Structure formats: C-alpha cells, structure tokens
Amino acid sequence: MLNEGDRASVFSLSGLSPSGEEKDFSLGDFLNQGKIVILYFYPKDNTPGCTTEACDFRDNINRLTSKCIVVGVSPDSVGSHKKFKENHLLNFYLLSDSEKNVMKNYGAYGEKKMYGKTIEGVIRTTYAINPDGTILKIWRNVKARGHVDKIINDLNL
C-alpha cells in the first residue's frame, strides 16, 4: 500500500489527452510538465457517481490547471473513454487500466462494500503526486460529489 511521502508507482497506459489524442501515457509524461498530478481512480464511465465526479473535474479545471494535471483512470476501454469524453465534454486525461494492475499498485482495487455486500472492484481513490514523483496527498474511499473542492482546499490551490 502506498502512503503519503512514498514514491509513486510508475506506469504506462493507453488513453486520451485533453484534446482527444489517443496514445500511451506514462507517469513520467505528466511529472515532466512540472505540475502536481491529480491521479484519480474511478469505477466506470457513464455511471451516475463517476459522471458526477468527472463533471466536477471538468467544471473546475480552470481552478486546477495552473498548478495541476488531472488524470482519470478506470478499467474501461479507450473506446468507452471516447464516448464518456464526448458525452460530457471532458477536458482532462482519461486512461484505461483494463488489467487493473495500476489500480492494484495504488490500492484502488480490492474488496469494498456495496449495498451491504462485500465485492471486489475499483475503490474510488485520488492521489496528488508532486513533480518529483513523491505522493503529496491521498484521498481514499472518495465521495464523488464535492471531491474537487476538497482537493483544492486540502492542497491550498
């Protein structure tokens, strides 16, 4: 399990840029831009909670982009991300972790409670990663509504 102050696990995943370009992206690509990377893991494109969270990032992107890069990761395909991006005019990176390896490395996949049952799935988790690759802050078991305001407040952005 990664903790605040640890080095973030490196990764490379296929995905979409804010402009919709499809390619492979690595953590280094984001860190090299010299900004805090907001790496958020979510369960599924076009579902109510995930759409609420994504639209919250979309609507607040101008409050974040001077100091941060937003990167959303789910197990959905790049094709699914394209539809999600188009349906909701999303303006940040969306990456596909279909094998769930990155999510597991970040503690964002495992046992969780849903409707009173224990299941295995994506655990809504967000990381703020400094440009030097160290983890600045972790939010676990995130509530979709109001999460971006919490990030902005906690990081004094």
N, C-alpha and C. Protein backbone atom coordinates (compact mmCIF):
# COMPACT_ATOMS: atom_id res chain seq x y z
N MET A 1 0.85 -1.19 0.00
CA MET A 1 0.00 0.00 0.00
C MET A 1 0.89 1.25 0.00
N LEU A 2 0.64 2.15 -0.91
CA LEU A 2 1.37 3.40 -0.99
C LEU A 2 0.86 4.38 0.07
N ASN A 3 1.78 5.19 0.57
CA ASN A 3 1.42 6.19 1.58
C ASN A 3 1.95 7.55 1.18
N GLU A 4 1.44 8.59 1.81
CA GLU A 4 1.94 9.93 1.56
C GLU A 4 3.43 9.97 1.87
N GLY A 5 4.21 10.61 0.99
CA GLY A 5 5.66 10.68 1.14
C GLY A 5 6.39 9.61 0.35
N ASP A 6 5.70 8.52 -0.01
CA ASP A 6 6.31 7.46 -0.83
C ASP A 6 6.48 7.95 -2.26
N ARG A 7 7.35 7.25 -3.00
CA ARG A 7 7.45 7.49 -4.44
C ARG A 7 6.25 6.83 -5.11
N ALA A 8 5.65 7.53 -6.04
CA ALA A 8 4.51 6.98 -6.78
C ALA A 8 4.98 5.86 -7.70
N SER A 9 4.16 4.85 -7.86
CA SER A 9 4.47 3.74 -8.77
C SER A 9 4.39 4.23 -10.20
N VAL A 10 5.43 3.92 -10.98
CA VAL A 10 5.43 4.33 -12.39
C VAL A 10 4.47 3.45 -13.17
N PHE A 11 3.95 3.97 -14.27
CA PHE A 11 3.03 3.22 -15.10
C PHE A 11 3.04 3.77 -16.51
N SER A 12 2.49 2.98 -17.42
CA SER A 12 2.23 3.40 -18.79
C SER A 12 0.91 2.78 -19.19
N LEU A 13 -0.04 3.62 -19.62
CA LEU A 13 -1.37 3.16 -20.00
C LEU A 13 -1.83 3.87 -21.27
N SER A 14 -2.67 3.20 -22.04
CA SER A 14 -3.29 3.83 -23.20
C SER A 14 -4.40 4.75 -22.73
N GLY A 15 -4.61 5.81 -23.49
CA GLY A 15 -5.68 6.71 -23.10
C GLY A 15 -5.85 7.86 -24.06
N LEU A 16 -6.52 8.89 -23.55
CA LEU A 16 -6.85 10.07 -24.33
C LEU A 16 -6.30 11.32 -23.65
N SER A 17 -5.76 12.22 -24.47
CA SER A 17 -5.32 13.52 -23.95
C SER A 17 -6.54 14.42 -23.79
N PRO A 18 -6.37 15.59 -23.16
CA PRO A 18 -7.50 16.52 -23.05
C PRO A 18 -8.11 16.89 -24.41
N SER A 19 -7.29 16.89 -25.46
CA SER A 19 -7.79 17.23 -26.80
C SER A 19 -8.35 16.02 -27.54
N GLY A 20 -8.24 14.82 -26.93
CA GLY A 20 -8.80 13.62 -27.54
C GLY A 20 -7.80 12.77 -28.30
N GLU A 21 -6.51 13.14 -28.26
CA GLU A 21 -5.48 12.34 -28.93
C GLU A 21 -5.32 11.00 -28.20
N GLU A 22 -5.31 9.92 -28.96
CA GLU A 22 -5.17 8.59 -28.38
C GLU A 22 -3.73 8.14 -28.47
N LYS A 23 -3.14 7.78 -27.32
CA LYS A 23 -1.77 7.27 -27.28
C LYS A 23 -1.48 6.67 -25.91
N ASP A 24 -0.26 6.18 -25.73
CA ASP A 24 0.18 5.68 -24.43
C ASP A 24 0.77 6.83 -23.64
N PHE A 25 0.44 6.87 -22.36
CA PHE A 25 0.93 7.90 -21.46
C PHE A 25 1.61 7.23 -20.27
N SER A 26 2.70 7.81 -19.80
CA SER A 26 3.37 7.29 -18.61
C SER A 26 3.28 8.34 -17.51
N LEU A 27 3.50 7.92 -16.28
CA LEU A 27 3.52 8.87 -15.17
C LEU A 27 4.57 9.94 -15.44
N GLY A 28 5.71 9.54 -15.99
CA GLY A 28 6.78 10.49 -16.30
C GLY A 28 6.34 11.59 -17.25
N ASP A 29 5.47 11.26 -18.21
CA ASP A 29 4.96 12.27 -19.14
C ASP A 29 4.27 13.40 -18.38
N PHE A 30 3.55 13.04 -17.35
CA PHE A 30 2.82 14.04 -16.56
C PHE A 30 3.76 14.78 -15.60
N LEU A 31 4.64 14.04 -14.93
CA LEU A 31 5.56 14.67 -13.97
C LEU A 31 6.49 15.66 -14.66
N ASN A 32 6.88 15.35 -15.90
CA ASN A 32 7.79 16.23 -16.64
C ASN A 32 7.19 17.59 -16.96
N GLN A 33 5.89 17.75 -16.76
CA GLN A 33 5.26 19.04 -17.01
C GLN A 33 5.41 19.99 -15.82
N GLY A 34 6.01 19.47 -14.71
CA GLY A 34 6.33 20.33 -13.56
C GLY A 34 5.15 20.74 -12.72
N LYS A 35 4.05 20.00 -12.82
CA LYS A 35 2.87 20.31 -12.02
C LYS A 35 2.51 19.13 -11.13
N ILE A 36 1.64 19.37 -10.15
CA ILE A 36 1.09 18.29 -9.33
C ILE A 36 0.18 17.45 -10.22
N VAL A 37 0.33 16.14 -10.15
CA VAL A 37 -0.54 15.24 -10.91
C VAL A 37 -1.67 14.79 -9.98
N ILE A 38 -2.91 15.10 -10.38
CA ILE A 38 -4.09 14.61 -9.66
C ILE A 38 -4.50 13.34 -10.39
N LEU A 39 -4.16 12.19 -9.81
CA LEU A 39 -4.43 10.88 -10.40
C LEU A 39 -5.63 10.30 -9.67
N TYR A 40 -6.76 10.23 -10.39
CA TYR A 40 -7.95 9.73 -9.70
C TYR A 40 -8.46 8.46 -10.38
N PHE A 41 -8.80 7.50 -9.54
CA PHE A 41 -9.30 6.19 -9.99
C PHE A 41 -10.80 6.14 -9.76
N TYR A 42 -11.52 5.70 -10.79
CA TYR A 42 -12.98 5.64 -10.70
C TYR A 42 -13.47 4.34 -11.33
N PRO A 43 -14.64 3.85 -10.93
CA PRO A 43 -15.09 2.53 -11.37
C PRO A 43 -15.52 2.39 -12.83
N LYS A 44 -16.36 3.31 -13.35
CA LYS A 44 -16.94 3.03 -14.67
C LYS A 44 -17.43 4.30 -15.35
N ASP A 45 -17.10 4.40 -16.64
CA ASP A 45 -17.57 5.52 -17.46
C ASP A 45 -19.10 5.55 -17.51
N ASN A 46 -19.63 6.76 -17.60
CA ASN A 46 -21.06 6.99 -17.83
C ASN A 46 -21.99 6.38 -16.79
N THR A 47 -21.52 6.20 -15.56
CA THR A 47 -22.38 5.80 -14.46
C THR A 47 -22.62 7.05 -13.60
N PRO A 48 -23.69 7.06 -12.80
CA PRO A 48 -24.04 8.31 -12.10
C PRO A 48 -22.93 8.92 -11.24
N GLY A 49 -22.34 8.15 -10.34
CA GLY A 49 -21.30 8.70 -9.46
C GLY A 49 -20.05 9.11 -10.21
N CYS A 50 -19.64 8.30 -11.17
CA CYS A 50 -18.43 8.59 -11.94
C CYS A 50 -18.63 9.79 -12.84
N THR A 51 -19.83 9.95 -13.37
CA THR A 51 -20.14 11.11 -14.20
C THR A 51 -20.15 12.37 -13.34
N THR A 52 -20.73 12.29 -12.15
CA THR A 52 -20.73 13.43 -11.22
C THR A 52 -19.30 13.87 -10.93
N GLU A 53 -18.43 12.90 -10.61
CA GLU A 53 -17.04 13.22 -10.28
C GLU A 53 -16.32 13.81 -11.49
N ALA A 54 -16.46 13.19 -12.66
CA ALA A 54 -15.79 13.67 -13.87
C ALA A 54 -16.25 15.08 -14.24
N CYS A 55 -17.54 15.32 -14.15
CA CYS A 55 -18.07 16.66 -14.48
C CYS A 55 -17.62 17.70 -13.46
N ASP A 56 -17.40 17.29 -12.21
CA ASP A 56 -16.86 18.18 -11.19
C ASP A 56 -15.43 18.60 -11.58
N PHE A 57 -14.61 17.64 -12.02
CA PHE A 57 -13.27 17.98 -12.51
C PHE A 57 -13.38 18.89 -13.73
N ARG A 58 -14.26 18.53 -14.68
CA ARG A 58 -14.43 19.34 -15.90
C ARG A 58 -14.80 20.79 -15.56
N ASP A 59 -15.77 20.95 -14.67
CA ASP A 59 -16.27 22.28 -14.35
C ASP A 59 -15.28 23.11 -13.55
N ASN A 60 -14.33 22.46 -12.90
CA ASN A 60 -13.36 23.17 -12.06
C ASN A 60 -11.94 23.13 -12.64
N ILE A 61 -11.81 22.71 -13.88
CA ILE A 61 -10.47 22.53 -14.45
C ILE A 61 -9.67 23.84 -14.43
N ASN A 62 -10.34 24.96 -14.61
CA ASN A 62 -9.62 26.24 -14.60
C ASN A 62 -9.06 26.58 -13.23
N ARG A 63 -9.64 26.03 -12.18
CA ARG A 63 -9.14 26.25 -10.82
C ARG A 63 -7.92 25.36 -10.55
N LEU A 64 -7.71 24.35 -11.40
CA LEU A 64 -6.66 23.36 -11.17
C LEU A 64 -5.47 23.50 -12.11
N THR A 65 -5.71 23.85 -13.38
CA THR A 65 -4.67 23.69 -14.40
C THR A 65 -3.43 24.56 -14.23
N SER A 66 -3.49 25.63 -13.48
CA SER A 66 -2.27 26.43 -13.29
C SER A 66 -1.24 25.66 -12.47
N LYS A 67 -1.70 24.76 -11.61
CA LYS A 67 -0.78 24.03 -10.73
C LYS A 67 -0.88 22.51 -10.86
N CYS A 68 -1.89 22.01 -11.58
CA CYS A 68 -2.16 20.57 -11.59
C CYS A 68 -2.48 20.04 -12.99
N ILE A 69 -2.27 18.74 -13.14
CA ILE A 69 -2.72 17.99 -14.32
C ILE A 69 -3.68 16.93 -13.79
N VAL A 70 -4.87 16.85 -14.37
CA VAL A 70 -5.87 15.88 -13.93
C VAL A 70 -5.83 14.66 -14.84
N VAL A 71 -5.75 13.48 -14.21
CA VAL A 71 -5.69 12.21 -14.94
C VAL A 71 -6.68 11.24 -14.30
N GLY A 72 -7.71 10.85 -15.06
CA GLY A 72 -8.69 9.88 -14.59
C GLY A 72 -8.34 8.49 -15.12
N VAL A 73 -8.45 7.47 -14.26
CA VAL A 73 -8.14 6.09 -14.64
C VAL A 73 -9.28 5.17 -14.24
N SER A 74 -9.73 4.34 -15.19
CA SER A 74 -10.72 3.31 -14.90
C SER A 74 -10.37 2.07 -15.71
N PRO A 75 -11.05 0.95 -15.44
CA PRO A 75 -10.77 -0.26 -16.22
C PRO A 75 -11.45 -0.24 -17.60
N ASP A 76 -12.21 0.80 -17.92
CA ASP A 76 -12.90 0.87 -19.20
C ASP A 76 -11.91 1.00 -20.36
N SER A 77 -12.36 0.60 -21.54
CA SER A 77 -11.53 0.68 -22.75
C SER A 77 -11.36 2.13 -23.20
N VAL A 78 -10.37 2.37 -24.06
CA VAL A 78 -10.19 3.70 -24.63
C VAL A 78 -11.43 4.09 -25.43
N GLY A 79 -12.06 3.12 -26.11
CA GLY A 79 -13.30 3.39 -26.85
C GLY A 79 -14.41 3.89 -25.93
N SER A 80 -14.54 3.27 -24.77
CA SER A 80 -15.52 3.72 -23.78
C SER A 80 -15.18 5.13 -23.31
N HIS A 81 -13.88 5.38 -23.07
CA HIS A 81 -13.45 6.72 -22.65
C HIS A 81 -13.80 7.78 -23.70
N LYS A 82 -13.67 7.42 -24.99
CA LYS A 82 -14.01 8.37 -26.05
C LYS A 82 -15.47 8.79 -25.94
N LYS A 83 -16.35 7.82 -25.74
CA LYS A 83 -17.79 8.13 -25.61
C LYS A 83 -18.04 8.97 -24.36
N PHE A 84 -17.41 8.60 -23.24
CA PHE A 84 -17.54 9.33 -21.98
C PHE A 84 -17.09 10.78 -22.17
N LYS A 85 -15.94 10.95 -22.80
CA LYS A 85 -15.37 12.27 -23.07
C LYS A 85 -16.31 13.10 -23.93
N GLU A 86 -16.83 12.49 -25.01
CA GLU A 86 -17.74 13.19 -25.92
C GLU A 86 -19.08 13.51 -25.25
N ASN A 87 -19.64 12.55 -24.52
CA ASN A 87 -20.94 12.75 -23.87
C ASN A 87 -20.93 13.90 -22.87
N HIS A 88 -19.79 14.08 -22.21
CA HIS A 88 -19.73 15.05 -21.11
C HIS A 88 -18.69 16.15 -21.31
N LEU A 89 -18.14 16.25 -22.54
CA LEU A 89 -17.17 17.29 -22.88
C LEU A 89 -16.02 17.36 -21.86
N LEU A 90 -15.45 16.20 -21.53
CA LEU A 90 -14.39 16.14 -20.53
C LEU A 90 -13.10 16.72 -21.10
N ASN A 91 -12.38 17.46 -20.26
CA ASN A 91 -11.23 18.25 -20.70
C ASN A 91 -9.95 17.90 -19.94
N PHE A 92 -9.76 16.62 -19.64
CA PHE A 92 -8.57 16.15 -18.95
C PHE A 92 -8.23 14.75 -19.47
N TYR A 93 -7.12 14.21 -19.02
CA TYR A 93 -6.67 12.89 -19.48
C TYR A 93 -7.56 11.78 -18.93
N LEU A 94 -7.84 10.77 -19.76
CA LEU A 94 -8.55 9.56 -19.35
C LEU A 94 -7.71 8.36 -19.79
N LEU A 95 -7.34 7.51 -18.84
CA LEU A 95 -6.51 6.35 -19.13
C LEU A 95 -7.25 5.06 -18.85
N SER A 96 -6.89 4.02 -19.60
CA SER A 96 -7.52 2.71 -19.48
C SER A 96 -6.59 1.72 -18.78
N ASP A 97 -7.04 1.18 -17.66
CA ASP A 97 -6.28 0.17 -16.92
C ASP A 97 -7.11 -1.12 -16.92
N SER A 98 -7.28 -1.69 -18.11
CA SER A 98 -8.15 -2.87 -18.26
C SER A 98 -7.67 -4.07 -17.47
N GLU A 99 -6.37 -4.19 -17.26
CA GLU A 99 -5.82 -5.30 -16.47
C GLU A 99 -5.88 -5.02 -14.96
N LYS A 100 -6.17 -3.77 -14.60
CA LYS A 100 -6.30 -3.32 -13.21
C LYS A 100 -4.99 -3.38 -12.43
N ASN A 101 -3.86 -3.50 -13.12
CA ASN A 101 -2.56 -3.59 -12.44
C ASN A 101 -2.17 -2.28 -11.77
N VAL A 102 -2.39 -1.16 -12.45
CA VAL A 102 -2.05 0.13 -11.86
C VAL A 102 -2.94 0.39 -10.65
N MET A 103 -4.24 0.10 -10.80
CA MET A 103 -5.16 0.29 -9.68
C MET A 103 -4.74 -0.53 -8.47
N LYS A 104 -4.33 -1.77 -8.71
CA LYS A 104 -3.88 -2.62 -7.60
C LYS A 104 -2.62 -2.04 -6.96
N ASN A 105 -1.66 -1.56 -7.77
CA ASN A 105 -0.44 -0.96 -7.23
C ASN A 105 -0.74 0.25 -6.36
N TYR A 106 -1.78 0.97 -6.70
CA TYR A 106 -2.16 2.18 -5.96
C TYR A 106 -3.21 1.92 -4.89
N GLY A 107 -3.55 0.67 -4.66
CA GLY A 107 -4.53 0.36 -3.62
C GLY A 107 -5.94 0.81 -3.97
N ALA A 108 -6.21 0.95 -5.27
CA ALA A 108 -7.52 1.44 -5.73
C ALA A 108 -8.37 0.31 -6.31
N TYR A 109 -7.97 -0.92 -6.04
CA TYR A 109 -8.77 -2.06 -6.48
C TYR A 109 -8.69 -3.13 -5.40
N GLY A 110 -9.83 -3.67 -5.00
CA GLY A 110 -9.84 -4.71 -3.98
C GLY A 110 -11.23 -4.86 -3.40
N GLU A 111 -11.28 -5.40 -2.21
CA GLU A 111 -12.56 -5.62 -1.54
C GLU A 111 -13.16 -4.30 -1.09
N LYS A 112 -14.47 -4.18 -1.32
CA LYS A 112 -15.19 -3.00 -0.85
C LYS A 112 -16.63 -3.39 -0.58
N LYS A 113 -17.32 -2.55 0.18
CA LYS A 113 -18.73 -2.78 0.48
C LYS A 113 -19.58 -2.02 -0.52
N MET A 114 -20.58 -2.70 -1.06
CA MET A 114 -21.51 -2.05 -1.97
C MET A 114 -22.89 -2.61 -1.70
N TYR A 115 -23.79 -1.71 -1.32
CA TYR A 115 -25.16 -2.11 -0.99
C TYR A 115 -25.18 -3.24 0.04
N GLY A 116 -24.28 -3.15 1.03
CA GLY A 116 -24.25 -4.10 2.13
C GLY A 116 -23.53 -5.41 1.84
N LYS A 117 -23.03 -5.56 0.61
CA LYS A 117 -22.32 -6.79 0.24
C LYS A 117 -20.84 -6.48 0.02
N THR A 118 -19.98 -7.43 0.33
CA THR A 118 -18.56 -7.29 0.06
C THR A 118 -18.29 -7.81 -1.35
N ILE A 119 -17.73 -6.94 -2.17
CA ILE A 119 -17.39 -7.30 -3.55
C ILE A 119 -15.96 -6.87 -3.84
N GLU A 120 -15.43 -7.31 -4.96
CA GLU A 120 -14.13 -6.84 -5.41
C GLU A 120 -14.36 -5.87 -6.56
N GLY A 121 -13.71 -4.72 -6.49
CA GLY A 121 -13.89 -3.72 -7.53
C GLY A 121 -13.00 -2.52 -7.32
N VAL A 122 -13.23 -1.50 -8.13
CA VAL A 122 -12.46 -0.27 -8.05
C VAL A 122 -12.90 0.51 -6.82
N ILE A 123 -11.92 0.94 -6.04
CA ILE A 123 -12.16 1.75 -4.85
C ILE A 123 -11.83 3.19 -5.24
N ARG A 124 -12.83 4.06 -5.22
CA ARG A 124 -12.65 5.44 -5.66
C ARG A 124 -11.56 6.10 -4.80
N THR A 125 -10.42 6.38 -5.42
CA THR A 125 -9.23 6.86 -4.73
C THR A 125 -8.56 7.94 -5.57
N THR A 126 -8.00 8.96 -4.92
CA THR A 126 -7.30 10.03 -5.63
C THR A 126 -5.94 10.26 -4.98
N TYR A 127 -4.94 10.47 -5.83
CA TYR A 127 -3.58 10.78 -5.40
C TYR A 127 -3.17 12.14 -5.94
N ALA A 128 -2.50 12.94 -5.12
CA ALA A 128 -1.82 14.14 -5.58
C ALA A 128 -0.33 13.79 -5.54
N ILE A 129 0.33 13.89 -6.70
CA ILE A 129 1.73 13.49 -6.82
C ILE A 129 2.56 14.71 -7.22
N ASN A 130 3.58 15.00 -6.41
CA ASN A 130 4.48 16.12 -6.69
C ASN A 130 5.26 15.87 -7.97
N PRO A 131 5.76 16.95 -8.62
CA PRO A 131 6.55 16.77 -9.84
C PRO A 131 7.80 15.90 -9.65
N ASP A 132 8.29 15.78 -8.41
CA ASP A 132 9.45 14.92 -8.15
C ASP A 132 9.06 13.44 -8.00
N GLY A 133 7.76 13.14 -8.12
CA GLY A 133 7.29 11.75 -8.06
C GLY A 133 6.90 11.27 -6.68
N THR A 134 6.96 12.13 -5.67
CA THR A 134 6.52 11.72 -4.33
C THR A 134 5.03 12.01 -4.15
N ILE A 135 4.40 11.17 -3.36
CA ILE A 135 2.97 11.31 -3.12
C ILE A 135 2.75 12.40 -2.06
N LEU A 136 2.04 13.43 -2.46
CA LEU A 136 1.76 14.57 -1.59
C LEU A 136 0.56 14.30 -0.69
N LYS A 137 -0.51 13.73 -1.28
CA LYS A 137 -1.76 13.51 -0.53
C LYS A 137 -2.53 12.37 -1.17
N ILE A 138 -3.24 11.61 -0.32
CA ILE A 138 -4.09 10.51 -0.79
C ILE A 138 -5.49 10.69 -0.19
N TRP A 139 -6.49 10.53 -1.04
CA TRP A 139 -7.88 10.51 -0.58
C TRP A 139 -8.42 9.13 -0.92
N ARG A 140 -8.83 8.37 0.09
CA ARG A 140 -9.35 7.01 -0.12
C ARG A 140 -10.86 6.99 0.09
N ASN A 141 -11.53 6.05 -0.57
CA ASN A 141 -12.99 5.92 -0.46
C ASN A 141 -13.69 7.26 -0.66
N VAL A 142 -13.33 7.90 -1.76
CA VAL A 142 -13.81 9.23 -2.10
C VAL A 142 -15.32 9.24 -2.35
N LYS A 143 -15.96 10.30 -1.91
CA LYS A 143 -17.35 10.58 -2.27
C LYS A 143 -17.30 11.47 -3.51
N ALA A 144 -18.03 11.09 -4.55
CA ALA A 144 -17.94 11.79 -5.84
C ALA A 144 -18.32 13.26 -5.74
N ARG A 145 -19.41 13.55 -5.07
CA ARG A 145 -19.90 14.94 -5.01
C ARG A 145 -19.01 15.77 -4.07
N GLY A 146 -18.51 16.89 -4.58
CA GLY A 146 -17.71 17.81 -3.76
C GLY A 146 -16.25 17.44 -3.62
N HIS A 147 -15.82 16.40 -4.31
CA HIS A 147 -14.44 15.93 -4.15
C HIS A 147 -13.42 16.96 -4.65
N VAL A 148 -13.69 17.63 -5.76
CA VAL A 148 -12.73 18.59 -6.31
C VAL A 148 -12.53 19.76 -5.34
N ASP A 149 -13.60 20.25 -4.72
CA ASP A 149 -13.44 21.31 -3.73
C ASP A 149 -12.55 20.85 -2.58
N LYS A 150 -12.70 19.61 -2.17
CA LYS A 150 -11.87 19.06 -1.09
C LYS A 150 -10.39 19.05 -1.51
N ILE A 151 -10.12 18.62 -2.74
CA ILE A 151 -8.74 18.62 -3.26
C ILE A 151 -8.18 20.04 -3.23
N ILE A 152 -8.94 20.99 -3.77
CA ILE A 152 -8.49 22.38 -3.84
C ILE A 152 -8.22 22.93 -2.44
N ASN A 153 -9.11 22.66 -1.49
CA ASN A 153 -8.93 23.12 -0.12
C ASN A 153 -7.75 22.45 0.56
N ASP A 154 -7.65 21.11 0.43
CA ASP A 154 -6.58 20.39 1.11
C ASP A 154 -5.20 20.76 0.58
N LEU A 155 -5.10 21.07 -0.73
CA LEU A 155 -3.81 21.42 -1.33
C LEU A 155 -3.56 22.93 -1.37
N ASN A 156 -4.52 23.70 -0.83
CA ASN A 156 -4.41 25.17 -0.83
C ASN A 156 -4.15 25.72 -2.23
N LEU A 157 -4.93 25.25 -3.19
CA LEU A 157 -4.77 25.70 -4.59
C LEU A 157 -5.53 26.98 -4.85
